[in-house]
């Protein structure tokens, strides 16, 4: 099973290199930088939510969820799995961004993005969560496009973000903000 998954990872990585162009290069670099350190989610959602009365609880949930997501994904899972990145197999001059130095699984950009989407999905109207989903997908795809993650890393990040965002939203909404 792992061999088939690895082969799929390689096929997807190879396929994506065939669609590269200047416009997508710029869009994907911008998208990936927006997702670095969950920057876009802090600036666009967490901070504005916390300072507004209507969405303060959602902002608190998002801040807690992003913190737990980071702890689980970057500190525990990524260090435990220790998977190398596709960029390790690429020459430095082929890269459009600096090569990340940490491990690959799960994608932290994807995990935090889907974490933010999920918190908005459970706690906000569609005019918040639909754009969050679009940006989360764009950031996630940028990680594949820039060859710093395999498909399975991104899928792992999606799953982690969905679980964290759902569990913490439900816990807060049913136990804390009752």
Protein backbone atom coordinates (compact mmCIF):
# COMPACT_ATOMS: atom_id res chain seq x y z
CA UNK A 1 0.00 0.00 0.00
CA UNK A 2 2.76 2.47 0.91
CA UNK A 3 4.53 1.69 -2.34
CA UNK A 4 1.38 2.57 -4.34
CA UNK A 5 0.96 5.77 -2.35
CA UNK A 6 4.59 6.70 -2.98
CA UNK A 7 4.16 6.06 -6.71
CA UNK A 8 1.06 8.29 -6.75
CA UNK A 9 3.03 10.99 -4.91
CA UNK A 10 5.75 10.87 -7.58
CA UNK A 11 3.24 10.88 -10.46
CA UNK A 12 1.39 13.91 -9.09
CA UNK A 13 4.65 15.78 -8.50
CA UNK A 14 5.79 15.03 -12.06
CA UNK A 15 2.41 16.01 -13.53
CA UNK A 16 2.34 19.35 -11.76
CA UNK A 17 5.77 20.29 -13.11
CA UNK A 18 4.28 20.09 -16.62
CA UNK A 19 1.80 22.94 -15.97
CA UNK A 20 4.32 25.42 -14.61
CA UNK A 21 4.35 28.89 -16.13
CA UNK A 22 5.34 32.42 -15.05
CA UNK A 23 1.86 33.44 -13.92
CA UNK A 24 1.40 30.32 -11.78
CA UNK A 25 4.97 30.63 -10.46
CA UNK A 26 4.17 34.09 -9.09
CA UNK A 27 0.72 33.10 -7.78
CA UNK A 28 2.01 29.97 -6.07
CA UNK A 29 4.97 31.74 -4.43
CA UNK A 30 2.61 34.45 -3.15
CA UNK A 31 0.14 31.81 -1.92
CA UNK A 32 2.78 29.78 -0.14
CA UNK A 33 4.21 32.86 1.58
CA UNK A 34 0.69 33.86 2.69
CA UNK A 35 0.37 30.46 4.36
CA UNK A 36 3.78 30.56 6.06
CA UNK A 37 3.30 30.62 9.81
CA UNK A 38 -0.46 30.76 9.17
CA UNK A 39 0.17 34.46 8.43
CA UNK A 40 -2.93 34.96 6.28
CA UNK A 41 -5.16 33.32 8.91
CA UNK A 42 -3.85 35.55 11.69
CA UNK A 43 -4.18 38.74 9.64
CA UNK A 44 -7.44 37.98 7.82
CA UNK A 45 -9.36 36.10 10.51
CA UNK A 46 -7.93 35.58 14.00
CA UNK A 47 -7.02 39.17 14.88
CA UNK A 48 -10.07 40.81 13.26
CA UNK A 49 -12.38 38.24 14.87
CA UNK A 50 -10.93 38.75 18.35
CA UNK A 51 -11.37 42.53 18.18
CA UNK A 52 -15.01 42.33 17.06
CA UNK A 53 -17.72 41.44 19.53
CA UNK A 54 -19.75 39.36 17.07
CA UNK A 55 -16.92 36.96 16.20
CA UNK A 56 -14.75 37.16 19.33
CA UNK A 57 -15.51 33.57 20.36
CA UNK A 58 -14.64 32.38 16.85
CA UNK A 59 -11.35 34.29 17.04
CA UNK A 60 -10.53 32.63 20.36
CA UNK A 61 -11.37 29.20 18.92
CA UNK A 62 -9.20 29.91 15.88
CA UNK A 63 -6.21 31.02 17.96
CA UNK A 64 -6.45 27.93 20.21
CA UNK A 65 -6.96 25.65 17.22
CA UNK A 66 -4.00 27.08 15.27
CA UNK A 67 -1.82 26.59 18.35
CA UNK A 68 -2.89 22.99 18.90
CA UNK A 69 -2.62 22.30 15.17
CA UNK A 70 0.97 23.59 15.18
CA UNK A 71 1.85 21.49 18.22
CA UNK A 72 0.39 18.31 16.74
CA UNK A 73 1.52 18.79 13.14
CA UNK A 74 4.88 20.51 13.36
CA UNK A 75 6.22 19.34 16.70
CA UNK A 76 4.77 15.86 17.21
CA UNK A 77 3.79 14.30 13.85
CA UNK A 78 6.39 15.90 11.57
CA UNK A 79 9.27 15.03 13.91
CA UNK A 80 7.94 11.49 14.50
CA UNK A 81 7.41 10.64 10.82
CA UNK A 82 10.61 12.27 9.58
CA UNK A 83 9.71 12.13 5.90
CA UNK A 84 11.97 13.89 3.39
CA UNK A 85 10.64 16.46 0.95
CA UNK A 86 10.46 16.23 -2.84
CA UNK A 87 12.60 19.37 -2.93
CA UNK A 88 15.46 17.32 -1.47
CA UNK A 89 15.68 15.66 -4.89
CA UNK A 90 15.79 18.96 -6.83
CA UNK A 91 18.72 21.26 -7.53
CA UNK A 92 18.63 24.56 -5.69
CA UNK A 93 18.46 26.59 -8.92
CA UNK A 94 15.25 24.78 -9.97
CA UNK A 95 13.46 25.94 -6.81
CA UNK A 96 11.18 29.00 -6.84
CA UNK A 97 11.43 29.38 -3.05
CA UNK A 98 14.08 28.45 -0.51
CA UNK A 99 14.17 24.75 0.29
CA UNK A 100 12.47 24.06 3.62
CA UNK A 101 14.79 22.42 6.12
CA UNK A 102 12.22 20.53 8.19
CA UNK A 103 10.41 17.29 7.41
CA UNK A 104 7.55 16.93 4.97
CA UNK A 105 4.61 15.06 6.53
CA UNK A 106 2.10 16.58 7.16
CA UNK A 107 2.03 19.89 5.30
CA UNK A 108 1.87 22.57 7.97
CA UNK A 109 0.66 25.21 5.51
CA UNK A 110 -2.21 22.91 4.53
CA UNK A 111 -3.01 21.87 8.11
CA UNK A 112 -3.28 25.46 9.36
CA UNK A 113 -5.25 26.49 6.26
CA UNK A 114 -7.82 23.74 6.62
CA UNK A 115 -7.90 24.34 10.35
CA UNK A 116 -8.88 27.98 9.69
CA UNK A 117 -11.42 26.95 7.06
CA UNK A 118 -13.01 24.41 9.41
CA UNK A 119 -13.28 26.86 12.30
CA UNK A 120 -15.01 29.38 10.02
CA UNK A 121 -17.22 26.62 8.58
CA UNK A 122 -18.51 25.66 12.05
CA UNK A 123 -18.78 29.20 13.40
CA UNK A 124 -19.41 31.69 10.58
CA UNK A 125 -21.72 32.35 7.65
CA UNK A 126 -20.76 31.13 4.18
CA UNK A 127 -19.33 34.51 3.17
CA UNK A 128 -16.44 33.76 5.57
CA UNK A 129 -15.89 30.05 5.07
CA UNK A 130 -16.20 29.91 1.26
CA UNK A 131 -13.29 32.34 0.70
CA UNK A 132 -11.37 30.56 3.48
CA UNK A 133 -11.85 27.26 1.63
CA UNK A 134 -10.69 28.77 -1.66
CA UNK A 135 -7.56 30.28 -0.06
CA UNK A 136 -6.87 27.02 1.82
CA UNK A 137 -7.02 25.06 -1.45
CA UNK A 138 -4.77 27.58 -3.19
CA UNK A 139 -2.17 27.47 -0.41
CA UNK A 140 -2.31 23.66 -0.35
CA UNK A 141 -1.87 23.40 -4.11
CA UNK A 142 1.05 25.84 -3.95
CA UNK A 143 2.92 23.38 -1.74
CA UNK A 144 2.59 20.72 -4.47
CA UNK A 145 3.33 23.16 -7.28
CA UNK A 146 6.52 24.39 -5.60
CA UNK A 147 7.58 20.77 -4.98
CA UNK A 148 8.04 21.12 -1.24
CA UNK A 149 5.35 18.51 -0.44
CA UNK A 150 3.99 15.30 -1.83
CA UNK A 151 0.26 14.76 -2.35
CA UNK A 152 0.09 12.52 0.72
CA UNK A 153 1.66 15.31 2.84
CA UNK A 154 -1.06 17.69 1.69
CA UNK A 155 -3.82 15.13 2.27
CA UNK A 156 -2.41 14.53 5.75
CA UNK A 157 -2.50 18.28 6.37
CA UNK A 158 -6.11 18.50 5.16
CA UNK A 159 -7.15 15.68 7.50
CA UNK A 160 -5.28 17.14 10.47
CA UNK A 161 -6.77 20.60 9.88
CA UNK A 162 -10.31 19.27 9.47
CA UNK A 163 -10.07 17.17 12.63
CA UNK A 164 -8.47 19.91 14.76
CA UNK A 165 -10.87 22.59 13.54
CA UNK A 166 -13.93 20.39 14.06
CA UNK A 167 -13.04 18.90 17.44
CA UNK A 168 -11.91 22.17 19.00
CA UNK A 169 -14.85 24.15 17.57
CA UNK A 170 -17.32 21.59 18.88
CA UNK A 171 -15.63 21.40 22.30
CA UNK A 172 -15.56 25.17 22.71
CA UNK A 173 -19.10 25.66 21.46
CA UNK A 174 -20.55 22.92 23.68
CA UNK A 175 -18.36 23.19 26.78
CA UNK A 176 -16.77 26.62 27.00
CA UNK A 177 -19.13 29.10 25.32
CA UNK A 178 -22.40 27.66 26.65
